[in-house]
């Protein structure tokens, strides 16, 4: 899953416990591999998926704001034009000791949002 570096860092330090998405997986995903997007452009770690909340945007914010790891305005801007949003509840987090290059480690190019490995 491609995540902006500031949000990925917040996941790894425990201040962000939800990852927000406009579109969500179709498959049952247990582990998310975190690809830090530009300028880092490396796979930095992973987290376990504790669940997914799907709700209208205002209700989603109400349920997640205490551990959203982002400001309300950034949240609303991200979901602008959408009625429904998704919040992936972040479980156990593991940061890799040695970050990985996505193409070398997994043989894939960086996804716009996410891809299945």
PDB file of N, CA and C in Angstrom:
ATOM      1  N   UNK A   1       0.847  -1.170   0.000  1.00  0.00           N
ATOM      2  CA  UNK A   1       0.000   0.000   0.000  1.00  0.00           C
ATOM      3  C   UNK A   1       0.892   1.233   0.000  1.00  0.00           C
ATOM      4  N   UNK A   2       0.651   2.135  -0.922  1.00  0.00           N
ATOM      5  CA  UNK A   2       1.406   3.388  -0.971  1.00  0.00           C
ATOM      6  C   UNK A   2       0.856   4.361   0.076  1.00  0.00           C
ATOM      7  N   UNK A   3       1.761   4.863   0.894  1.00  0.00           N
ATOM      8  CA  UNK A   3       1.388   5.804   1.954  1.00  0.00           C
ATOM      9  C   UNK A   3       2.417   6.930   1.968  1.00  0.00           C
ATOM     10  N   UNK A   4       1.944   8.159   2.067  1.00  0.00           N
ATOM     11  CA  UNK A   4       2.853   9.298   2.145  1.00  0.00           C
ATOM     12  C   UNK A   4       3.762   9.134   3.360  1.00  0.00           C
ATOM     13  N   UNK A   5       5.033   9.533   3.227  1.00  0.00           N
ATOM     14  CA  UNK A   5       5.997   9.320   4.314  1.00  0.00           C
ATOM     15  C   UNK A   5       5.558   9.844   5.676  1.00  0.00           C
ATOM     16  N   UNK A   6       4.965  11.015   5.738  1.00  0.00           N
ATOM     17  CA  UNK A   6       4.553  11.564   7.042  1.00  0.00           C
ATOM     18  C   UNK A   6       3.510  10.670   7.705  1.00  0.00           C
ATOM     19  N   UNK A   7       2.580  10.136   6.937  1.00  0.00           N
ATOM     20  CA  UNK A   7       1.545   9.261   7.490  1.00  0.00           C
ATOM     21  C   UNK A   7       2.117   7.888   7.842  1.00  0.00           C
ATOM     22  N   UNK A   8       3.049   7.406   7.026  1.00  0.00           N
ATOM     23  CA  UNK A   8       3.703   6.129   7.344  1.00  0.00           C
ATOM     24  C   UNK A   8       4.481   6.240   8.647  1.00  0.00           C
ATOM     25  N   UNK A   9       5.190   7.333   8.829  1.00  0.00           N
ATOM     26  CA  UNK A   9       5.941   7.540  10.085  1.00  0.00           C
ATOM     27  C   UNK A   9       4.987   7.554  11.274  1.00  0.00           C
ATOM     28  N   UNK A  10       3.834   8.195  11.105  1.00  0.00           N
ATOM     29  CA  UNK A  10       2.843   8.231  12.188  1.00  0.00           C
ATOM     30  C   UNK A  10       2.297   6.833  12.490  1.00  0.00           C
ATOM     31  N   UNK A  11       2.187   5.995  11.475  1.00  0.00           N
ATOM     32  CA  UNK A  11       1.777   4.603  11.701  1.00  0.00           C
ATOM     33  C   UNK A  11       2.847   3.887  12.508  1.00  0.00           C
ATOM     34  N   UNK A  12       4.103   4.041  12.103  1.00  0.00           N
ATOM     35  CA  UNK A  12       5.191   3.344  12.787  1.00  0.00           C
ATOM     36  C   UNK A  12       5.422   3.842  14.207  1.00  0.00           C
ATOM     37  N   UNK A  13       5.134   5.122  14.474  1.00  0.00           N
ATOM     38  CA  UNK A  13       5.327   5.601  15.851  1.00  0.00           C
ATOM     39  C   UNK A  13       4.074   5.443  16.714  1.00  0.00           C
ATOM     40  N   UNK A  14       2.990   4.917  16.121  1.00  0.00           N
ATOM     41  CA  UNK A  14       1.789   4.599  16.889  1.00  0.00           C
ATOM     42  C   UNK A  14       0.781   5.710  17.040  1.00  0.00           C
ATOM     43  N   UNK A  15       1.015   6.877  16.447  1.00  0.00           N
ATOM     44  CA  UNK A  15       0.066   7.983  16.592  1.00  0.00           C
ATOM     45  C   UNK A  15      -1.074   7.910  15.569  1.00  0.00           C
ATOM     46  N   UNK A  16      -0.880   7.154  14.526  1.00  0.00           N
ATOM     47  CA  UNK A  16      -1.928   6.974  13.507  1.00  0.00           C
ATOM     48  C   UNK A  16      -2.351   5.511  13.560  1.00  0.00           C
ATOM     49  N   UNK A  17      -3.601   5.275  13.956  1.00  0.00           N
ATOM     50  CA  UNK A  17      -4.068   3.905  14.101  1.00  0.00           C
ATOM     51  C   UNK A  17      -5.126   3.515  13.075  1.00  0.00           C
ATOM     52  N   UNK A  18      -5.367   4.425  12.136  1.00  0.00           N
ATOM     53  CA  UNK A  18      -6.282   4.158  11.026  1.00  0.00           C
ATOM     54  C   UNK A  18      -5.651   4.665   9.738  1.00  0.00           C
ATOM     55  N   UNK A  19      -5.751   3.874   8.696  1.00  0.00           N
ATOM     56  CA  UNK A  19      -5.318   4.307   7.372  1.00  0.00           C
ATOM     57  C   UNK A  19      -6.581   4.448   6.531  1.00  0.00           C
ATOM     58  N   UNK A  20      -6.775   5.614   5.961  1.00  0.00           N
ATOM     59  CA  UNK A  20      -8.008   5.924   5.240  1.00  0.00           C
ATOM     60  C   UNK A  20      -7.856   5.670   3.752  1.00  0.00           C
ATOM     61  N   UNK A  21      -8.938   5.166   3.167  1.00  0.00           N
ATOM     62  CA  UNK A  21      -8.958   4.860   1.740  1.00  0.00           C
ATOM     63  C   UNK A  21     -10.313   5.184   1.148  1.00  0.00           C
ATOM     64  N   UNK A  22     -10.281   5.703  -0.089  1.00  0.00           N
ATOM     65  CA  UNK A  22     -11.522   5.934  -0.829  1.00  0.00           C
ATOM     66  C   UNK A  22     -12.044   4.619  -1.395  1.00  0.00           C
ATOM     67  N   UNK A  23     -11.125   3.731  -1.743  1.00  0.00           N
ATOM     68  CA  UNK A  23     -11.474   2.395  -2.245  1.00  0.00           C
ATOM     69  C   UNK A  23     -10.795   1.365  -1.345  1.00  0.00           C
ATOM     70  N   UNK A  24     -11.459   0.247  -1.155  1.00  0.00           N
ATOM     71  CA  UNK A  24     -10.927  -0.756  -0.221  1.00  0.00           C
ATOM     72  C   UNK A  24     -10.745  -2.084  -0.944  1.00  0.00           C
ATOM     73  N   UNK A  25      -9.983  -2.955  -0.339  1.00  0.00           N
ATOM     74  CA  UNK A  25      -9.682  -4.269  -0.926  1.00  0.00           C
ATOM     75  C   UNK A  25     -10.947  -5.081  -1.165  1.00  0.00           C
ATOM     76  N   UNK A  26     -10.875  -5.927  -2.156  1.00  0.00           N
ATOM     77  CA  UNK A  26     -11.962  -6.866  -2.425  1.00  0.00           C
ATOM     78  C   UNK A  26     -11.689  -8.204  -1.739  1.00  0.00           C
ATOM     79  N   UNK A  27     -10.430  -8.425  -1.404  1.00  0.00           N
ATOM     80  CA  UNK A  27     -10.037  -9.675  -0.756  1.00  0.00           C
ATOM     81  C   UNK A  27      -9.838  -9.456   0.734  1.00  0.00           C
ATOM     82  N   UNK A  28      -9.829 -10.550   1.489  1.00  0.00           N
ATOM     83  CA  UNK A  28      -9.592 -10.489   2.928  1.00  0.00           C
ATOM     84  C   UNK A  28      -8.094 -10.335   3.171  1.00  0.00           C
ATOM     85  N   UNK A  29      -7.673  -9.149   3.536  1.00  0.00           N
ATOM     86  CA  UNK A  29      -6.258  -8.844   3.735  1.00  0.00           C
ATOM     87  C   UNK A  29      -5.943  -8.853   5.224  1.00  0.00           C
ATOM     88  N   UNK A  30      -4.887  -9.548   5.592  1.00  0.00           N
ATOM     89  CA  UNK A  30      -4.473  -9.628   7.002  1.00  0.00           C
ATOM     90  C   UNK A  30      -3.264  -8.755   7.300  1.00  0.00           C
ATOM     91  N   UNK A  31      -2.389  -8.592   6.292  1.00  0.00           N
ATOM     92  CA  UNK A  31      -1.168  -7.807   6.474  1.00  0.00           C
ATOM     93  C   UNK A  31      -1.032  -6.820   5.323  1.00  0.00           C
ATOM     94  N   UNK A  32      -0.705  -5.580   5.671  1.00  0.00           N
ATOM     95  CA  UNK A  32      -0.441  -4.542   4.677  1.00  0.00           C
ATOM     96  C   UNK A  32       1.051  -4.242   4.700  1.00  0.00           C
ATOM     97  N   UNK A  33       1.677  -4.305   3.542  1.00  0.00           N
ATOM     98  CA  UNK A  33       3.074  -3.920   3.382  1.00  0.00           C
ATOM     99  C   UNK A  33       3.078  -2.424   3.066  1.00  0.00           C
ATOM    100  N   UNK A  34       3.839  -1.656   3.828  1.00  0.00           N
ATOM    101  CA  UNK A  34       3.842  -0.192   3.707  1.00  0.00           C
ATOM    102  C   UNK A  34       4.952   0.275   2.775  1.00  0.00           C
ATOM    103  N   UNK A  35       4.528   0.826   1.636  1.00  0.00           N
ATOM    104  CA  UNK A  35       5.448   1.454   0.697  1.00  0.00           C
ATOM    105  C   UNK A  35       5.363   2.956   0.924  1.00  0.00           C
ATOM    106  N   UNK A  36       6.466   3.552   1.358  1.00  0.00           N
ATOM    107  CA  UNK A  36       6.501   5.007   1.527  1.00  0.00           C
ATOM    108  C   UNK A  36       6.705   5.631   0.153  1.00  0.00           C
ATOM    109  N   UNK A  37       5.745   6.467  -0.228  1.00  0.00           N
ATOM    110  CA  UNK A  37       5.820   7.110  -1.538  1.00  0.00           C
ATOM    111  C   UNK A  37       6.926   8.165  -1.568  1.00  0.00           C
ATOM    112  N   UNK A  38       6.999   8.885  -2.654  1.00  0.00           N
ATOM    113  CA  UNK A  38       8.039   9.893  -2.874  1.00  0.00           C
ATOM    114  C   UNK A  38       8.095  10.904  -1.732  1.00  0.00           C
ATOM    115  N   UNK A  39       9.244  11.303  -1.278  1.00  0.00           N
ATOM    116  CA  UNK A  39      10.556  11.082  -1.859  1.00  0.00           C
ATOM    117  C   UNK A  39      11.282   9.825  -1.329  1.00  0.00           C
ATOM    118  N   UNK A  40      10.717   9.103  -0.369  1.00  0.00           N
ATOM    119  CA  UNK A  40      11.389   7.942   0.232  1.00  0.00           C
ATOM    120  C   UNK A  40      11.446   6.772  -0.748  1.00  0.00           C
ATOM    121  N   UNK A  41      10.311   6.388  -1.293  1.00  0.00           N
ATOM    122  CA  UNK A  41      10.187   5.337  -2.297  1.00  0.00           C
ATOM    123  C   UNK A  41      10.817   3.999  -1.873  1.00  0.00           C
ATOM    124  N   UNK A  42      10.455   3.556  -0.668  1.00  0.00           N
ATOM    125  CA  UNK A  42      10.931   2.277  -0.147  1.00  0.00           C
ATOM    126  C   UNK A  42       9.838   1.592   0.656  1.00  0.00           C
ATOM    127  N   UNK A  43       9.937   0.275   0.740  1.00  0.00           N
ATOM    128  CA  UNK A  43       9.064  -0.500   1.604  1.00  0.00           C
ATOM    129  C   UNK A  43       9.689  -0.437   2.999  1.00  0.00           C
ATOM    130  N   UNK A  44       8.963   0.177   3.928  1.00  0.00           N
ATOM    131  CA  UNK A  44       9.533   0.455   5.245  1.00  0.00           C
ATOM    132  C   UNK A  44       9.084  -0.508   6.329  1.00  0.00           C
ATOM    133  N   UNK A  45       7.994  -1.243   6.095  1.00  0.00           N
ATOM    134  CA  UNK A  45       7.498  -2.147   7.121  1.00  0.00           C
ATOM    135  C   UNK A  45       6.134  -2.688   6.753  1.00  0.00           C
ATOM    136  N   UNK A  46       5.406  -3.120   7.769  1.00  0.00           N
ATOM    137  CA  UNK A  46       4.086  -3.705   7.546  1.00  0.00           C
ATOM    138  C   UNK A  46       3.238  -3.550   8.794  1.00  0.00           C
ATOM    139  N   UNK A  47       1.937  -3.771   8.628  1.00  0.00           N
ATOM    140  CA  UNK A  47       1.051  -3.800   9.791  1.00  0.00           C
ATOM    141  C   UNK A  47      -0.049  -4.814   9.568  1.00  0.00           C
ATOM    142  N   UNK A  48      -0.565  -5.331  10.682  1.00  0.00           N
ATOM    143  CA  UNK A  48      -1.684  -6.266  10.643  1.00  0.00           C
ATOM    144  C   UNK A  48      -2.980  -5.475  10.547  1.00  0.00           C
ATOM    145  N   UNK A  49      -3.924  -5.997   9.808  1.00  0.00           N
ATOM    146  CA  UNK A  49      -5.237  -5.372   9.663  1.00  0.00           C
ATOM    147  C   UNK A  49      -6.146  -5.935  10.739  1.00  0.00           C
ATOM    148  N   UNK A  50      -6.616  -5.065  11.622  1.00  0.00           N
ATOM    149  CA  UNK A  50      -7.524  -5.468  12.698  1.00  0.00           C
ATOM    150  C   UNK A  50      -8.980  -5.434  12.257  1.00  0.00           C
ATOM    151  N   UNK A  51      -9.235  -4.768  11.150  1.00  0.00           N
ATOM    152  CA  UNK A  51     -10.592  -4.647  10.639  1.00  0.00           C
ATOM    153  C   UNK A  51     -10.698  -3.443   9.732  1.00  0.00           C
ATOM    154  N   UNK A  52     -11.855  -3.310   9.100  1.00  0.00           N
ATOM    155  CA  UNK A  52     -12.104  -2.175   8.209  1.00  0.00           C
ATOM    156  C   UNK A  52     -13.468  -1.594   8.576  1.00  0.00           C
ATOM    157  N   UNK A  53     -13.490  -0.279   8.741  1.00  0.00           N
ATOM    158  CA  UNK A  53     -14.745   0.429   8.991  1.00  0.00           C
ATOM    159  C   UNK A  53     -15.137   1.107   7.688  1.00  0.00           C
ATOM    160  N   UNK A  54     -16.345   0.861   7.238  1.00  0.00           N
ATOM    161  CA  UNK A  54     -16.888   1.520   6.058  1.00  0.00           C
ATOM    162  C   UNK A  54     -18.133   2.270   6.498  1.00  0.00           C
ATOM    163  N   UNK A  55     -18.151   3.584   6.258  1.00  0.00           N
ATOM    164  CA  UNK A  55     -19.272   4.399   6.726  1.00  0.00           C
ATOM    165  C   UNK A  55     -19.297   5.688   5.938  1.00  0.00           C
ATOM    166  N   UNK A  56     -20.358   6.478   6.159  1.00  0.00           N
ATOM    167  CA  UNK A  56     -20.373   7.789   5.513  1.00  0.00           C
ATOM    168  C   UNK A  56     -19.247   8.613   6.134  1.00  0.00           C
ATOM    169  N   UNK A  57     -18.754   9.568   5.385  1.00  0.00           N
ATOM    170  CA  UNK A  57     -17.533  10.283   5.741  1.00  0.00           C
ATOM    171  C   UNK A  57     -17.613  10.950   7.115  1.00  0.00           C
ATOM    172  N   UNK A  58     -18.724  11.624   7.427  1.00  0.00           N
ATOM    173  CA  UNK A  58     -18.845  12.286   8.734  1.00  0.00           C
ATOM    174  C   UNK A  58     -18.832  11.277   9.880  1.00  0.00           C
ATOM    175  N   UNK A  59     -19.543  10.180   9.720  1.00  0.00           N
ATOM    176  CA  UNK A  59     -19.572   9.146  10.758  1.00  0.00           C
ATOM    177  C   UNK A  59     -18.202   8.482  10.893  1.00  0.00           C
ATOM    178  N   UNK A  60     -17.518   8.303   9.778  1.00  0.00           N
ATOM    179  CA  UNK A  60     -16.184   7.706   9.806  1.00  0.00           C
ATOM    180  C   UNK A  60     -15.223   8.576  10.604  1.00  0.00           C
ATOM    181  N   UNK A  61     -15.298   9.884  10.403  1.00  0.00           N
ATOM    182  CA  UNK A  61     -14.447  10.794  11.164  1.00  0.00           C
ATOM    183  C   UNK A  61     -14.776  10.707  12.651  1.00  0.00           C
ATOM    184  N   UNK A  62     -16.042  10.689  12.983  1.00  0.00           N
ATOM    185  CA  UNK A  62     -16.454  10.615  14.391  1.00  0.00           C
ATOM    186  C   UNK A  62     -15.917   9.363  15.076  1.00  0.00           C
ATOM    187  N   UNK A  63     -15.874   8.255  14.348  1.00  0.00           N
ATOM    188  CA  UNK A  63     -15.410   6.991  14.917  1.00  0.00           C
ATOM    189  C   UNK A  63     -13.886   6.898  15.032  1.00  0.00           C
ATOM    190  N   UNK A  64     -13.164   7.671  14.233  1.00  0.00           N
ATOM    191  CA  UNK A  64     -11.714   7.488  14.150  1.00  0.00           C
ATOM    192  C   UNK A  64     -10.879   8.699  14.556  1.00  0.00           C
ATOM    193  N   UNK A  65     -11.501   9.831  14.775  1.00  0.00           N
ATOM    194  CA  UNK A  65     -10.731  11.074  14.936  1.00  0.00           C
ATOM    195  C   UNK A  65      -9.688  11.039  16.043  1.00  0.00           C
ATOM    196  N   UNK A  66      -9.941  10.322  17.131  1.00  0.00           N
ATOM    197  CA  UNK A  66      -8.989  10.285  18.250  1.00  0.00           C
ATOM    198  C   UNK A  66      -7.653   9.661  17.857  1.00  0.00           C
ATOM    199  N   UNK A  67      -7.673   8.780  16.857  1.00  0.00           N
ATOM    200  CA  UNK A  67      -6.440   8.099  16.438  1.00  0.00           C
ATOM    201  C   UNK A  67      -6.247   8.157  14.921  1.00  0.00           C
ATOM    202  N   UNK A  68      -6.807   9.203  14.305  1.00  0.00           N
ATOM    203  CA  UNK A  68      -6.741   9.332  12.846  1.00  0.00           C
ATOM    204  C   UNK A  68      -5.327   9.629  12.354  1.00  0.00           C
ATOM    205  N   UNK A  69      -4.570  10.371  13.146  1.00  0.00           N
ATOM    206  CA  UNK A  69      -3.213  10.722  12.738  1.00  0.00           C
ATOM    207  C   UNK A  69      -3.156  11.796  11.675  1.00  0.00           C
ATOM    208  N   UNK A  70      -4.309  12.409  11.379  1.00  0.00           N
ATOM    209  CA  UNK A  70      -4.369  13.523  10.433  1.00  0.00           C
ATOM    210  C   UNK A  70      -5.377  14.539  10.961  1.00  0.00           C
ATOM    211  N   UNK A  71      -5.282  15.733  10.441  1.00  0.00           N
ATOM    212  CA  UNK A  71      -6.221  16.786  10.818  1.00  0.00           C
ATOM    213  C   UNK A  71      -7.548  16.580  10.090  1.00  0.00           C
ATOM    214  N   UNK A  72      -8.610  17.100  10.687  1.00  0.00           N
ATOM    215  CA  UNK A  72      -9.945  16.944  10.106  1.00  0.00           C
ATOM    216  C   UNK A  72     -10.016  17.495   8.682  1.00  0.00           C
ATOM    217  N   UNK A  73      -9.405  18.653   8.449  1.00  0.00           N
ATOM    218  CA  UNK A  73      -9.479  19.257   7.120  1.00  0.00           C
ATOM    219  C   UNK A  73      -8.802  18.382   6.070  1.00  0.00           C
ATOM    220  N   UNK A  74      -7.667  17.795   6.408  1.00  0.00           N
ATOM    221  CA  UNK A  74      -6.977  16.892   5.478  1.00  0.00           C
ATOM    222  C   UNK A  74      -7.845  15.665   5.184  1.00  0.00           C
ATOM    223  N   UNK A  75      -8.510  15.158   6.223  1.00  0.00           N
ATOM    224  CA  UNK A  75      -9.425  14.027   6.079  1.00  0.00           C
ATOM    225  C   UNK A  75     -10.558  14.386   5.120  1.00  0.00           C
ATOM    226  N   UNK A  76     -11.180  15.541   5.354  1.00  0.00           N
ATOM    227  CA  UNK A  76     -12.304  15.969   4.524  1.00  0.00           C
ATOM    228  C   UNK A  76     -11.857  16.251   3.085  1.00  0.00           C
ATOM    229  N   UNK A  77     -10.689  16.835   2.921  1.00  0.00           N
ATOM    230  CA  UNK A  77     -10.164  17.082   1.575  1.00  0.00           C
ATOM    231  C   UNK A  77      -9.945  15.763   0.836  1.00  0.00           C
ATOM    232  N   UNK A  78      -9.396  14.777   1.538  1.00  0.00           N
ATOM    233  CA  UNK A  78      -9.135  13.472   0.932  1.00  0.00           C
ATOM    234  C   UNK A  78     -10.424  12.811   0.436  1.00  0.00           C
ATOM    235  N   UNK A  79     -11.488  12.935   1.233  1.00  0.00           N
ATOM    236  CA  UNK A  79     -12.760  12.304   0.880  1.00  0.00           C
ATOM    237  C   UNK A  79     -13.725  13.244   0.134  1.00  0.00           C
ATOM    238  N   UNK A  80     -13.247  14.397  -0.307  1.00  0.00           N
ATOM    239  CA  UNK A  80     -14.106  15.354  -1.018  1.00  0.00           C
ATOM    240  C   UNK A  80     -14.797  14.681  -2.195  1.00  0.00           C
ATOM    241  N   UNK A  81     -16.101  14.880  -2.293  1.00  0.00           N
ATOM    242  CA  UNK A  81     -16.880  14.309  -3.375  1.00  0.00           C
ATOM    243  C   UNK A  81     -17.314  12.868  -3.145  1.00  0.00           C
ATOM    244  N   UNK A  82     -16.946  12.320  -2.014  1.00  0.00           N
ATOM    245  CA  UNK A  82     -17.318  10.937  -1.684  1.00  0.00           C
ATOM    246  C   UNK A  82     -18.344  10.933  -0.565  1.00  0.00           C
ATOM    247  N   UNK A  83     -19.294  10.033  -0.649  1.00  0.00           N
ATOM    248  CA  UNK A  83     -20.266   9.874   0.433  1.00  0.00           C
ATOM    249  C   UNK A  83     -19.773   8.885   1.475  1.00  0.00           C
ATOM    250  N   UNK A  84     -19.033   7.864   1.005  1.00  0.00           N
ATOM    251  CA  UNK A  84     -18.579   6.772   1.869  1.00  0.00           C
ATOM    252  C   UNK A  84     -17.062   6.689   1.846  1.00  0.00           C
ATOM    253  N   UNK A  85     -16.493   6.361   2.999  1.00  0.00           N
ATOM    254  CA  UNK A  85     -15.052   6.170   3.099  1.00  0.00           C
ATOM    255  C   UNK A  85     -14.745   4.912   3.881  1.00  0.00           C
ATOM    256  N   UNK A  86     -13.478   4.540   3.904  1.00  0.00           N
ATOM    257  CA  UNK A  86     -13.028   3.329   4.580  1.00  0.00           C
ATOM    258  C   UNK A  86     -11.859   3.664   5.492  1.00  0.00           C
ATOM    259  N   UNK A  87     -11.842   3.047   6.659  1.00  0.00           N
ATOM    260  CA  UNK A  87     -10.740   3.199   7.604  1.00  0.00           C
ATOM    261  C   UNK A  87     -10.220   1.808   7.942  1.00  0.00           C
ATOM    262  N   UNK A  88      -8.958   1.572   7.637  1.00  0.00           N
ATOM    263  CA  UNK A  88      -8.320   0.309   7.984  1.00  0.00           C
ATOM    264  C   UNK A  88      -7.783   0.454   9.392  1.00  0.00           C
ATOM    265  N   UNK A  89      -8.245  -0.394  10.300  1.00  0.00           N
ATOM    266  CA  UNK A  89      -7.766  -0.345  11.678  1.00  0.00           C
ATOM    267  C   UNK A  89      -6.417  -1.051  11.751  1.00  0.00           C
ATOM    268  N   UNK A  90      -5.408  -0.309  12.181  1.00  0.00           N
ATOM    269  CA  UNK A  90      -4.039  -0.796  12.215  1.00  0.00           C
ATOM    270  C   UNK A  90      -3.789  -1.579  13.498  1.00  0.00           C
ATOM    271  N   UNK A  91      -3.335  -2.802  13.331  1.00  0.00           N
ATOM    272  CA  UNK A  91      -2.986  -3.660  14.466  1.00  0.00           C
ATOM    273  C   UNK A  91      -1.487  -3.579  14.726  1.00  0.00           C
ATOM    274  N   UNK A  92      -0.886  -4.720  14.954  1.00  0.00           N
ATOM    275  CA  UNK A  92       0.551  -4.796  15.253  1.00  0.00           C
ATOM    276  C   UNK A  92       1.354  -4.258  14.072  1.00  0.00           C
ATOM    277  N   UNK A  93       2.307  -3.387  14.388  1.00  0.00           N
ATOM    278  CA  UNK A  93       3.135  -2.739  13.380  1.00  0.00           C
ATOM    279  C   UNK A  93       4.558  -3.284  13.465  1.00  0.00           C
ATOM    280  N   UNK A  94       5.157  -3.489  12.317  1.00  0.00           N
ATOM    281  CA  UNK A  94       6.553  -3.937  12.272  1.00  0.00           C
ATOM    282  C   UNK A  94       7.309  -3.090  11.261  1.00  0.00           C
ATOM    283  N   UNK A  95       8.313  -2.376  11.747  1.00  0.00           N
ATOM    284  CA  UNK A  95       9.168  -1.593  10.852  1.00  0.00           C
ATOM    285  C   UNK A  95      10.376  -2.440  10.506  1.00  0.00           C
ATOM    286  N   UNK A  96      10.706  -2.486   9.239  1.00  0.00           N
ATOM    287  CA  UNK A  96      11.845  -3.285   8.808  1.00  0.00           C
ATOM    288  C   UNK A  96      13.148  -2.609   9.224  1.00  0.00           C
ATOM    289  N   UNK A  97      14.093  -3.410   9.660  1.00  0.00           N
ATOM    290  CA  UNK A  97      15.411  -2.901  10.023  1.00  0.00           C
ATOM    291  C   UNK A  97      16.103  -2.312   8.793  1.00  0.00           C
ATOM    292  N   UNK A  98      15.907  -2.986   7.654  1.00  0.00           N
ATOM    293  CA  UNK A  98      16.484  -2.530   6.397  1.00  0.00           C
ATOM    294  C   UNK A  98      15.352  -2.343   5.386  1.00  0.00           C
ATOM    295  N   UNK A  99      15.010  -1.083   5.053  1.00  0.00           N
ATOM    296  CA  UNK A  99      13.956  -0.843   4.066  1.00  0.00           C
ATOM    297  C   UNK A  99      14.269  -1.559   2.755  1.00  0.00           C
ATOM    298  N   UNK A 100      13.229  -1.881   2.013  1.00  0.00           N
ATOM    299  CA  UNK A 100      13.369  -2.642   0.775  1.00  0.00           C
ATOM    300  C   UNK A 100      12.968  -1.796  -0.435  1.00  0.00           C
ATOM    301  N   UNK A 101      13.607  -2.084  -1.544  1.00  0.00           N
ATOM    302  CA  UNK A 101      13.226  -1.470  -2.810  1.00  0.00           C
ATOM    303  C   UNK A 101      12.095  -2.329  -3.375  1.00  0.00           C
ATOM    304  N   UNK A 102      10.964  -1.740  -3.646  1.00  0.00           N
ATOM    305  CA  UNK A 102       9.769  -2.474  -4.040  1.00  0.00           C
ATOM    306  C   UNK A 102      10.000  -3.391  -5.244  1.00  0.00           C
ATOM    307  N   UNK A 103      10.578  -2.860  -6.302  1.00  0.00           N
ATOM    308  CA  UNK A 103      10.760  -3.665  -7.511  1.00  0.00           C
ATOM    309  C   UNK A 103      11.734  -4.823  -7.291  1.00  0.00           C
ATOM    310  N   UNK A 104      12.792  -4.598  -6.522  1.00  0.00           N
ATOM    311  CA  UNK A 104      13.767  -5.667  -6.264  1.00  0.00           C
ATOM    312  C   UNK A 104      13.196  -6.731  -5.330  1.00  0.00           C
ATOM    313  N   UNK A 105      12.513  -6.300  -4.286  1.00  0.00           N
ATOM    314  CA  UNK A 105      12.018  -7.242  -3.272  1.00  0.00           C
ATOM    315  C   UNK A 105      10.776  -8.001  -3.722  1.00  0.00           C
ATOM    316  N   UNK A 106       9.902  -7.353  -4.476  1.00  0.00           N
ATOM    317  CA  UNK A 106       8.614  -7.956  -4.815  1.00  0.00           C
ATOM    318  C   UNK A 106       8.350  -8.079  -6.314  1.00  0.00           C
ATOM    319  N   UNK A 107       9.196  -7.477  -7.141  1.00  0.00           N
ATOM    320  CA  UNK A 107       9.021  -7.562  -8.577  1.00  0.00           C
ATOM    321  C   UNK A 107       7.839  -6.792  -9.123  1.00  0.00           C
ATOM    322  N   UNK A 108       7.416  -5.743  -8.407  1.00  0.00           N
ATOM    323  CA  UNK A 108       6.282  -4.925  -8.849  1.00  0.00           C
ATOM    324  C   UNK A 108       6.655  -3.445  -8.800  1.00  0.00           C
ATOM    325  N   UNK A 109       5.884  -2.668  -9.521  1.00  0.00           N
ATOM    326  CA  UNK A 109       6.075  -1.215  -9.521  1.00  0.00           C
ATOM    327  C   UNK A 109       5.182  -0.597  -8.447  1.00  0.00           C
ATOM    328  N   UNK A 110       5.516   0.601  -7.975  1.00  0.00           N
ATOM    329  CA  UNK A 110       4.696   1.244  -6.938  1.00  0.00           C
ATOM    330  C   UNK A 110       3.255   1.440  -7.385  1.00  0.00           C
ATOM    331  N   UNK A 111       2.313   1.065  -6.536  1.00  0.00           N
ATOM    332  CA  UNK A 111       0.905   1.252  -6.877  1.00  0.00           C
ATOM    333  C   UNK A 111       0.456   2.677  -6.590  1.00  0.00           C
ATOM    334  N   UNK A 112      -0.584   3.096  -7.296  1.00  0.00           N
ATOM    335  CA  UNK A 112      -1.190   4.402  -7.009  1.00  0.00           C
ATOM    336  C   UNK A 112      -1.806   4.371  -5.608  1.00  0.00           C
ATOM    337  N   UNK A 113      -2.492   3.306  -5.278  1.00  0.00           N
ATOM    338  CA  UNK A 113      -3.115   3.158  -3.977  1.00  0.00           C
ATOM    339  C   UNK A 113      -2.623   1.898  -3.285  1.00  0.00           C
ATOM    340  N   UNK A 114      -3.018   0.737  -3.840  1.00  0.00           N
ATOM    341  CA  UNK A 114      -2.547  -0.538  -3.297  1.00  0.00           C
ATOM    342  C   UNK A 114      -2.547  -1.585  -4.388  1.00  0.00           C
ATOM    343  N   UNK A 115      -1.846  -2.685  -4.125  1.00  0.00           N
ATOM    344  CA  UNK A 115      -1.881  -3.843  -4.995  1.00  0.00           C
ATOM    345  C   UNK A 115      -1.719  -5.084  -4.122  1.00  0.00           C
ATOM    346  N   UNK A 116      -2.107  -6.224  -4.673  1.00  0.00           N
ATOM    347  CA  UNK A 116      -2.004  -7.483  -3.936  1.00  0.00           C
ATOM    348  C   UNK A 116      -0.661  -8.134  -4.232  1.00  0.00           C
ATOM    349  N   UNK A 117       0.028  -8.565  -3.183  1.00  0.00           N
ATOM    350  CA  UNK A 117       1.299  -9.276  -3.360  1.00  0.00           C
ATOM    351  C   UNK A 117       1.067 -10.767  -3.154  1.00  0.00           C
TER     352      UNK A 117
END
